[in-house]
Amino acid sequence: MGANIVKDFFAGIRDIVGGRPAAYEQELMKARNIALKEIE
């Protein structure tokens, strides 16, 4: 799973300003779902 440069840039800005970067949350959810399916 990976994020692109634009997502990285905006996630960094959001970290400074405060809040949760939605792009990374979505990628982490995808990774979690894939991992759980692999375990099954």
N, C-alpha and C. Protein backbone atom coordinates (compact mmCIF):
# COMPACT_ATOMS: atom_id res chain seq x y z
N MET A 1 0.86 -1.16 0.00
CA MET A 1 0.00 0.00 0.00
C MET A 1 0.90 1.23 0.00
N GLY A 2 0.51 2.20 -0.72
CA GLY A 2 1.32 3.40 -0.77
C GLY A 2 0.47 4.63 -1.00
N ALA A 3 1.05 5.75 -0.69
CA ALA A 3 0.38 7.02 -0.92
C ALA A 3 1.25 7.82 -1.87
N ASN A 4 0.66 8.72 -2.61
CA ASN A 4 1.45 9.50 -3.55
C ASN A 4 1.99 10.77 -2.91
N ILE A 5 2.79 11.50 -3.64
CA ILE A 5 3.47 12.69 -3.11
C ILE A 5 2.47 13.75 -2.68
N VAL A 6 1.42 13.94 -3.44
CA VAL A 6 0.41 14.96 -3.09
C VAL A 6 -0.25 14.61 -1.77
N LYS A 7 -0.62 13.33 -1.60
CA LYS A 7 -1.23 12.91 -0.33
C LYS A 7 -0.25 13.12 0.82
N ASP A 8 1.03 12.78 0.59
CA ASP A 8 2.05 12.97 1.63
C ASP A 8 2.16 14.44 2.02
N PHE A 9 2.15 15.31 1.02
CA PHE A 9 2.28 16.75 1.27
C PHE A 9 1.11 17.26 2.10
N PHE A 10 -0.10 16.94 1.68
CA PHE A 10 -1.27 17.43 2.40
C PHE A 10 -1.41 16.78 3.78
N ALA A 11 -0.98 15.55 3.91
CA ALA A 11 -1.00 14.90 5.22
C ALA A 11 -0.04 15.60 6.17
N GLY A 12 1.11 16.02 5.66
CA GLY A 12 2.07 16.76 6.48
C GLY A 12 1.50 18.08 6.93
N ILE A 13 0.83 18.78 6.05
CA ILE A 13 0.20 20.06 6.41
C ILE A 13 -0.88 19.83 7.46
N ARG A 14 -1.67 18.81 7.26
CA ARG A 14 -2.75 18.53 8.22
C ARG A 14 -2.17 18.17 9.59
N ASP A 15 -1.02 17.46 9.61
CA ASP A 15 -0.37 17.13 10.89
C ASP A 15 0.03 18.41 11.62
N ILE A 16 0.51 19.39 10.88
CA ILE A 16 0.94 20.66 11.49
C ILE A 16 -0.27 21.42 12.01
N VAL A 17 -1.32 21.49 11.20
CA VAL A 17 -2.52 22.25 11.55
C VAL A 17 -3.36 21.51 12.59
N GLY A 18 -3.32 20.22 12.52
CA GLY A 18 -4.13 19.40 13.42
C GLY A 18 -5.17 18.65 12.64
N GLY A 19 -5.57 17.54 13.12
CA GLY A 19 -6.56 16.74 12.43
C GLY A 19 -5.98 15.41 12.00
N ARG A 20 -6.81 14.62 11.37
CA ARG A 20 -6.40 13.28 10.94
C ARG A 20 -6.39 13.23 9.43
N PRO A 21 -5.28 12.81 8.84
CA PRO A 21 -5.21 12.73 7.37
C PRO A 21 -6.07 11.59 6.82
N ALA A 22 -7.14 11.95 6.14
CA ALA A 22 -8.09 10.96 5.63
C ALA A 22 -7.46 10.03 4.61
N ALA A 23 -6.53 10.54 3.81
CA ALA A 23 -5.90 9.71 2.79
C ALA A 23 -5.18 8.53 3.42
N TYR A 24 -4.46 8.78 4.50
CA TYR A 24 -3.74 7.70 5.16
C TYR A 24 -4.69 6.76 5.88
N GLU A 25 -5.75 7.29 6.44
CA GLU A 25 -6.72 6.42 7.10
C GLU A 25 -7.34 5.45 6.10
N GLN A 26 -7.64 5.94 4.91
CA GLN A 26 -8.22 5.07 3.88
C GLN A 26 -7.22 4.00 3.46
N GLU A 27 -5.96 4.38 3.28
CA GLU A 27 -4.94 3.40 2.89
C GLU A 27 -4.72 2.36 3.99
N LEU A 28 -4.74 2.81 5.23
CA LEU A 28 -4.57 1.87 6.34
C LEU A 28 -5.75 0.91 6.45
N MET A 29 -6.94 1.41 6.20
CA MET A 29 -8.12 0.53 6.22
C MET A 29 -8.04 -0.52 5.12
N LYS A 30 -7.57 -0.11 3.93
CA LYS A 30 -7.41 -1.06 2.84
C LYS A 30 -6.39 -2.13 3.22
N ALA A 31 -5.26 -1.69 3.78
CA ALA A 31 -4.21 -2.62 4.18
C ALA A 31 -4.72 -3.58 5.25
N ARG A 32 -5.49 -3.07 6.18
CA ARG A 32 -6.05 -3.90 7.25
C ARG A 32 -6.98 -4.96 6.68
N ASN A 33 -7.86 -4.54 5.77
CA ASN A 33 -8.81 -5.48 5.16
C ASN A 33 -8.09 -6.56 4.36
N ILE A 34 -7.06 -6.18 3.63
CA ILE A 34 -6.29 -7.16 2.87
C ILE A 34 -5.61 -8.14 3.81
N ALA A 35 -5.03 -7.63 4.89
CA ALA A 35 -4.34 -8.50 5.85
C ALA A 35 -5.32 -9.48 6.49
N LEU A 36 -6.50 -9.01 6.86
CA LEU A 36 -7.49 -9.89 7.49
C LEU A 36 -7.96 -10.97 6.52
N LYS A 37 -8.12 -10.61 5.23
CA LYS A 37 -8.52 -11.60 4.24
C LYS A 37 -7.42 -12.64 4.05
N GLU A 38 -6.16 -12.21 4.10
CA GLU A 38 -5.04 -13.14 3.97
C GLU A 38 -5.00 -14.09 5.15
N ILE A 39 -5.32 -13.61 6.34
CA ILE A 39 -5.32 -14.45 7.53
C ILE A 39 -6.42 -15.51 7.43
N GLU A 40 -7.58 -15.10 6.93
CA GLU A 40 -8.69 -16.05 6.80
C GLU A 40 -8.31 -17.16 5.87
